[in-house]
Amino acid sequence: MLSNVLIGLFLNEEECLKYNNENIKSSIVKDKTLKKKVKDFCKNIVEDEFKFRRIKKIYHLEPQRASRFCKLFQNKILPDGSNAVCVCGQKLENEHDDNNKIKESIVLLNDSKTEPIEILRRNCCIMYEELDLMDFPEYKFSENDEWEISSAGIENILSWRSSLFKLYESRISTTPPECMKGLRRMLWEGPVTKLYESVNNNIFPIHDDEKHNWVIVNTNNIGKKVTTYIPRKLHSLRIWNPLFRCYQRVETKLDNSPQNPERWFINLVKYLKSNLHGHHALDQETLNINENDIVSSRFLELIKEKGESKWSQYVREIKGEIKKIS
């Protein structure tokens, strides 16, 4: 049974369960001696950005979260989380923050689980800065995937999200395209309006055994080998809330992405079929060449392999336009 407070963080109970389906229950550390040692340890940290101004609560690390952290810190965190605690409170760096944001640090204990020995942090792959583990969102590529921990901090991901659509739009609309095979696959995938990963990035790591599905290596018409990285869209993204001890949804929609992706995609296909080789078609013959280059036998084979969709239908049905000379 979910609490009303927890449900209140989401649109409805269904959405709440989508991001909190692991039955995570946090328990407070009751050992007074351990609590004092942990508090003293955290207050004596050298770096101001990690130092606590006020510690409110200390929890045992939840097994569900520990099972993911132990993959990052092999031979440190135990899969059940029994050798780590979660310290929650207000950081020194937030002392002028009107919201008094609650932060969390994961503290590793010694083998006997009686002494704090290390605050576990991780480098952000975007800004190369050390961050607390709570700052790294968790992601899925599909509904049935396991949650995985991203390699970048939430603030940097949100900043990256603001420029990502323009980068994607520039790639897919460049004419002439570097690789026709890569362009056809990107067109088959349809418009990318959510956060995505590319094999050549490592923000939302793709498993090694899946990478080949998201990269195309081809030789272009001048004999140059060209690599196209196909965007892999995220299904969902969440971030840990240390105050309410639950996960919260993170918006994956890209900033500046079109309100009407369908209309945007139709205009894209029309543009590509009119300008495929770097200049606007002046006659029907050029339009026919562009059409045959995009909707080629290889594109039809791709549809046969991966299935028809409304996006591939648009690619087949939308036509280019001859430039009108006034």
Protein backbone atom coordinates (compact mmCIF):
# COMPACT_ATOMS: atom_id res chain seq x y z
CA MET A 1 0.00 0.00 0.00
CA LEU A 2 1.51 3.33 -1.06
CA SER A 3 1.25 6.35 1.22
CA ASN A 4 -0.72 9.42 0.14
CA VAL A 5 2.43 11.51 0.55
CA LEU A 6 4.32 9.28 -1.87
CA ILE A 7 1.49 9.20 -4.41
CA GLY A 8 1.29 13.00 -4.16
CA LEU A 9 4.70 13.30 -5.82
CA PHE A 10 3.26 11.80 -9.02
CA LEU A 11 0.32 12.33 -11.34
CA ASN A 12 -1.43 9.23 -10.00
CA GLU A 13 -0.83 5.92 -8.25
CA GLU A 14 -0.12 4.12 -11.53
CA GLU A 15 2.74 6.50 -12.36
CA CYS A 16 4.04 6.22 -8.80
CA LEU A 17 4.21 2.43 -9.09
CA LYS A 18 5.97 2.71 -12.46
CA TYR A 19 8.94 4.33 -10.75
CA ASN A 20 8.64 2.62 -7.35
CA ASN A 21 7.87 -1.04 -7.97
CA GLU A 22 10.60 -2.61 -5.80
CA ASN A 23 8.89 -2.33 -2.40
CA ILE A 24 11.79 -0.30 -0.98
CA LYS A 25 11.52 0.28 2.77
CA SER A 26 14.02 2.47 4.60
CA SER A 27 14.97 1.74 8.20
CA ILE A 28 16.67 4.20 10.54
CA VAL A 29 19.99 3.27 12.16
CA LYS A 30 19.26 2.79 15.87
CA ASP A 31 22.76 2.03 17.13
CA LYS A 32 23.64 5.28 18.96
CA THR A 33 27.38 4.61 18.96
CA LEU A 34 27.44 4.02 15.21
CA LYS A 35 25.24 7.08 14.59
CA LYS A 36 27.62 9.32 16.53
CA LYS A 37 30.67 7.96 14.70
CA VAL A 38 29.01 8.48 11.32
CA LYS A 39 27.92 12.02 12.20
CA ASP A 40 31.40 12.97 13.38
CA PHE A 41 32.91 11.41 10.26
CA CYS A 42 30.63 13.38 7.94
CA LYS A 43 31.05 16.69 9.75
CA ASN A 44 34.84 16.42 9.54
CA ILE A 45 35.01 16.05 5.77
CA VAL A 46 37.60 18.37 4.26
CA GLU A 47 35.72 19.35 1.07
CA ASP A 48 33.01 21.94 1.72
CA GLU A 49 30.80 20.68 -1.11
CA PHE A 50 30.39 17.33 0.69
CA LYS A 51 30.34 18.60 4.28
CA PHE A 52 27.04 18.48 6.17
CA ARG A 53 25.77 21.59 7.92
CA ARG A 54 23.04 19.62 9.64
CA ILE A 55 22.47 15.87 9.68
CA LYS A 56 18.82 14.94 10.09
CA LYS A 57 18.63 11.14 9.76
CA ILE A 58 20.80 8.12 9.09
CA TYR A 59 19.32 5.08 7.34
CA HIS A 60 20.56 1.62 6.51
CA LEU A 61 21.24 1.36 2.77
CA GLU A 62 18.28 -0.34 1.14
CA PRO A 63 19.13 -3.71 -0.50
CA GLN A 64 17.42 -2.79 -3.77
CA ARG A 65 19.62 0.28 -4.21
CA ALA A 66 22.70 -1.54 -2.90
CA SER A 67 22.33 -4.20 -5.59
CA ARG A 68 22.89 -1.49 -8.21
CA PHE A 69 25.63 0.37 -6.31
CA CYS A 70 27.66 -2.80 -5.78
CA LYS A 71 28.11 -3.07 -9.57
CA LEU A 72 29.83 0.33 -9.50
CA PHE A 73 31.90 -0.36 -6.40
CA GLN A 74 32.96 -3.98 -6.66
CA ASN A 75 34.49 -5.41 -3.48
CA LYS A 76 33.12 -2.46 -1.49
CA ILE A 77 29.32 -2.36 -1.10
CA LEU A 78 27.71 -5.69 -0.31
CA PRO A 79 24.68 -6.60 -2.47
CA ASP A 80 22.40 -6.43 0.58
CA GLY A 81 23.73 -3.00 1.62
CA SER A 82 24.54 -4.14 5.15
CA ASN A 83 27.97 -2.46 5.17
CA ALA A 84 26.77 1.04 4.22
CA VAL A 85 24.49 3.74 5.60
CA CYS A 86 22.68 6.73 4.08
CA VAL A 87 23.34 10.06 5.76
CA CYS A 88 20.65 12.67 5.07
CA GLY A 89 20.65 16.35 5.85
CA GLN A 90 21.54 19.81 4.65
CA LYS A 91 24.93 20.34 3.05
CA LEU A 92 27.19 23.29 3.73
CA GLU A 93 27.05 24.20 0.04
CA ASN A 94 23.27 24.70 0.33
CA GLU A 95 23.32 27.00 3.38
CA HIS A 96 22.06 29.95 1.32
CA ASP A 97 19.45 27.86 -0.47
CA ASP A 98 15.97 28.94 0.63
CA ASN A 99 14.67 25.44 0.00
CA ASN A 100 17.22 23.87 2.37
CA LYS A 101 17.43 20.91 0.03
CA ILE A 102 17.94 17.54 1.71
CA LYS A 103 20.94 15.68 0.35
CA GLU A 104 22.22 12.16 0.93
CA SER A 105 25.68 10.65 1.13
CA ILE A 106 26.38 6.91 1.15
CA VAL A 107 28.94 6.04 3.83
CA LEU A 108 30.84 2.77 3.67
CA LEU A 109 31.49 0.88 6.93
CA ASN A 110 34.43 -1.32 7.87
CA ASP A 111 34.28 -5.13 7.79
CA SER A 112 32.84 -5.30 11.30
CA LYS A 113 30.26 -2.65 10.32
CA THR A 114 31.12 -0.53 13.35
CA GLU A 115 33.20 2.31 11.85
CA PRO A 116 32.67 4.65 8.89
CA ILE A 117 35.62 4.53 6.51
CA GLU A 118 34.63 6.26 3.25
CA ILE A 119 31.99 8.42 1.61
CA LEU A 120 31.24 6.85 -1.75
CA ARG A 121 31.26 9.27 -4.67
CA ARG A 122 31.49 8.99 -8.40
CA ASN A 123 32.83 11.09 -11.26
CA CYS A 124 30.28 12.62 -13.63
CA CYS A 125 31.19 11.74 -17.23
CA ILE A 126 30.02 15.14 -18.52
CA MET A 127 31.73 17.62 -16.19
CA TYR A 128 34.27 15.25 -14.59
CA GLU A 129 33.28 16.34 -11.08
CA GLU A 130 32.79 14.13 -8.04
CA LEU A 131 29.17 13.77 -6.96
CA ASP A 132 27.18 11.91 -4.32
CA LEU A 133 25.52 8.73 -5.56
CA MET A 134 22.03 10.20 -5.12
CA ASP A 135 22.89 12.70 -7.89
CA PHE A 136 23.05 9.98 -10.55
CA PRO A 137 19.63 9.15 -12.08
CA GLU A 138 18.58 5.63 -13.03
CA TYR A 139 17.33 4.78 -16.50
CA LYS A 140 15.62 2.13 -18.65
CA PHE A 141 15.57 1.67 -22.41
CA SER A 142 12.38 -0.43 -22.27
CA GLU A 143 9.65 -1.18 -19.78
CA ASN A 144 10.99 -4.67 -19.04
CA ASP A 145 14.62 -3.62 -18.52
CA GLU A 146 16.25 -3.49 -15.11
CA TRP A 147 16.99 -0.04 -13.75
CA GLU A 148 20.60 1.03 -14.40
CA ILE A 149 22.63 3.91 -12.95
CA SER A 150 23.62 6.69 -15.34
CA SER A 151 27.19 7.94 -15.63
CA ALA A 152 26.30 11.63 -15.32
CA GLY A 153 24.81 13.78 -12.57
CA ILE A 154 21.23 14.98 -12.79
CA GLU A 155 22.05 18.69 -13.15
CA ASN A 156 24.43 18.01 -16.02
CA ILE A 157 21.93 15.69 -17.71
CA LEU A 158 19.25 18.40 -17.55
CA SER A 159 21.68 20.88 -19.08
CA TRP A 160 22.64 18.35 -21.77
CA ARG A 161 18.93 17.71 -22.44
CA SER A 162 18.50 21.38 -23.39
CA SER A 163 20.80 21.09 -26.43
CA LEU A 164 20.28 17.49 -27.48
CA PHE A 165 17.39 17.93 -29.92
CA LYS A 166 19.24 20.57 -31.97
CA LEU A 167 22.20 18.18 -32.30
CA TYR A 168 19.91 15.37 -33.44
CA GLU A 169 18.02 17.62 -35.86
CA SER A 170 21.27 18.84 -37.39
CA ARG A 171 22.50 15.26 -37.89
CA ILE A 172 19.40 13.86 -39.53
CA SER A 173 18.75 16.87 -41.79
CA THR A 174 22.30 17.31 -43.12
CA THR A 175 22.46 17.03 -46.91
CA PRO A 176 24.08 15.30 -48.54
CA PRO A 177 24.09 12.71 -45.73
CA GLU A 178 27.39 11.12 -44.75
CA CYS A 179 25.83 7.66 -44.96
CA MET A 180 22.59 6.77 -46.73
CA LYS A 181 22.29 3.50 -44.83
CA GLY A 182 22.53 5.36 -41.53
CA LEU A 183 19.98 7.96 -42.67
CA ARG A 184 17.48 5.28 -43.70
CA ARG A 185 17.76 3.61 -40.29
CA MET A 186 17.29 6.93 -38.48
CA LEU A 187 14.22 7.66 -40.61
CA TRP A 188 12.81 4.22 -39.82
CA GLU A 189 13.25 4.94 -36.09
CA GLY A 190 11.12 8.09 -36.38
CA PRO A 191 11.58 11.43 -34.59
CA VAL A 192 13.69 11.43 -31.43
CA THR A 193 12.07 13.77 -28.91
CA LYS A 194 13.19 12.05 -25.70
CA LEU A 195 16.57 11.66 -24.04
CA TYR A 196 18.66 9.16 -25.96
CA GLU A 197 22.01 7.44 -25.87
CA SER A 198 24.54 6.81 -28.63
CA VAL A 199 27.14 4.08 -28.58
CA ASN A 200 29.90 6.70 -28.73
CA ASN A 201 28.61 8.31 -25.51
CA ASN A 202 28.51 6.81 -22.06
CA ILE A 203 25.86 8.79 -20.19
CA PHE A 204 23.31 5.97 -20.31
CA PRO A 205 25.58 3.00 -21.04
CA ILE A 206 24.36 0.41 -23.52
CA HIS A 207 25.34 -3.20 -22.78
CA ASP A 208 28.23 -4.45 -24.89
CA ASP A 209 26.15 -7.27 -26.37
CA GLU A 210 23.56 -4.74 -27.62
CA LYS A 211 25.85 -2.08 -29.07
CA HIS A 212 25.97 -3.60 -32.55
CA ASN A 213 22.24 -2.91 -32.90
CA TRP A 214 22.82 0.83 -32.57
CA VAL A 215 25.79 1.48 -34.84
CA ILE A 216 26.12 1.30 -38.62
CA VAL A 217 29.49 1.16 -40.36
CA ASN A 218 29.33 1.68 -44.10
CA THR A 219 31.52 2.79 -47.00
CA ASN A 220 30.25 5.88 -48.83
CA ASN A 221 30.39 6.55 -52.57
CA ILE A 222 33.98 7.88 -52.41
CA GLY A 223 35.26 4.83 -50.54
CA LYS A 224 35.40 6.43 -47.09
CA LYS A 225 34.31 4.32 -44.11
CA VAL A 226 31.54 6.16 -42.23
CA THR A 227 30.14 5.28 -38.80
CA THR A 228 26.58 6.30 -37.92
CA TYR A 229 25.46 6.10 -34.29
CA ILE A 230 21.72 5.46 -34.09
CA PRO A 231 20.03 7.27 -31.17
CA ARG A 232 18.55 4.83 -28.65
CA LYS A 233 15.64 6.49 -26.86
CA LEU A 234 15.17 6.16 -23.12
CA HIS A 235 11.96 4.65 -21.87
CA SER A 236 12.11 6.30 -18.43
CA LEU A 237 14.38 8.11 -16.01
CA ARG A 238 14.14 8.48 -12.23
CA ILE A 239 16.05 10.11 -9.38
CA TRP A 240 16.21 9.19 -5.67
CA ASN A 241 14.43 11.54 -3.26
CA PRO A 242 16.28 11.23 0.08
CA LEU A 243 13.58 13.04 2.04
CA PHE A 244 10.61 10.88 0.97
CA ARG A 245 12.80 7.76 0.47
CA CYS A 246 11.45 7.01 -2.96
CA TYR A 247 12.23 7.60 -6.63
CA GLN A 248 10.81 10.50 -8.59
CA ARG A 249 10.22 10.76 -12.32
CA VAL A 250 12.62 12.85 -14.40
CA GLU A 251 11.25 14.42 -17.59
CA THR A 252 12.84 12.81 -20.65
CA LYS A 253 11.28 15.08 -23.30
CA LEU A 254 14.02 17.05 -25.01
CA ASP A 255 13.98 20.83 -24.65
CA ASN A 256 13.05 22.58 -27.92
CA SER A 257 11.70 19.36 -29.41
CA PRO A 258 8.56 19.85 -31.55
CA GLN A 259 5.13 19.96 -29.96
CA ASN A 260 3.89 18.05 -32.98
CA PRO A 261 6.54 15.40 -33.84
CA GLU A 262 4.39 14.04 -36.67
CA ARG A 263 4.27 17.36 -38.52
CA TRP A 264 7.99 17.91 -37.90
CA PHE A 265 8.80 14.49 -39.34
CA ILE A 266 6.64 15.02 -42.43
CA ASN A 267 8.44 18.31 -43.11
CA LEU A 268 11.80 16.58 -42.56
CA VAL A 269 11.03 13.84 -45.11
CA LYS A 270 9.81 16.43 -47.60
CA TYR A 271 12.99 18.47 -47.09
CA LEU A 272 15.28 15.45 -47.52
CA LYS A 273 13.55 14.29 -50.67
CA SER A 274 13.80 17.81 -52.08
CA ASN A 275 17.42 18.51 -51.07
CA LEU A 276 19.06 15.11 -50.62
CA HIS A 277 22.25 15.82 -52.53
CA GLY A 278 22.90 19.25 -51.04
CA HIS A 279 20.81 21.39 -53.37
CA HIS A 280 17.12 21.86 -54.05
CA ALA A 281 15.67 19.73 -56.83
CA LEU A 282 14.92 21.82 -59.93
CA ASP A 283 13.16 19.10 -61.92
CA GLN A 284 11.23 15.86 -61.59
CA GLU A 285 14.20 13.76 -62.65
CA THR A 286 16.19 14.97 -59.61
CA LEU A 287 13.20 14.33 -57.34
CA ASN A 288 12.98 10.77 -58.68
CA ILE A 289 16.69 10.19 -57.96
CA ASN A 290 16.25 11.48 -54.41
CA GLU A 291 13.16 9.34 -53.93
CA ASN A 292 14.90 6.19 -55.14
CA ASP A 293 17.96 6.85 -52.97
CA ILE A 294 15.85 7.12 -49.79
CA VAL A 295 13.10 4.59 -50.50
CA SER A 296 15.49 2.07 -51.98
CA SER A 297 15.33 -1.70 -51.95
CA ARG A 298 17.49 -1.55 -48.79
CA PHE A 299 14.90 0.60 -47.03
CA LEU A 300 12.18 -1.87 -48.00
CA GLU A 301 14.38 -4.70 -46.65
CA LEU A 302 14.73 -2.74 -43.40
CA ILE A 303 10.95 -2.51 -43.13
CA LYS A 304 10.67 -6.23 -43.81
CA GLU A 305 13.24 -6.95 -41.10
CA LYS A 306 12.01 -4.56 -38.41
CA GLY A 307 8.39 -4.02 -39.36
CA GLU A 308 6.29 -1.22 -40.82
CA SER A 309 5.44 1.82 -38.70
CA LYS A 310 3.71 5.12 -39.32
CA TRP A 311 7.16 6.70 -39.66
CA SER A 312 8.28 4.31 -42.40
CA GLN A 313 4.90 4.86 -44.09
CA TYR A 314 5.54 8.59 -44.12
CA VAL A 315 8.98 7.99 -45.63
CA ARG A 316 7.40 5.98 -48.43
CA GLU A 317 4.40 8.26 -49.02
CA ILE A 318 5.63 11.85 -48.56
CA LYS A 319 7.14 13.34 -51.73
CA GLY A 320 9.69 16.06 -52.35
CA GLU A 321 8.98 19.32 -54.10
CA ILE A 322 10.56 21.03 -57.11
CA LYS A 323 11.97 24.44 -56.30
CA LYS A 324 9.85 27.19 -57.81
CA ILE A 325 11.88 29.71 -59.78
CA SER A 326 10.28 33.14 -59.78
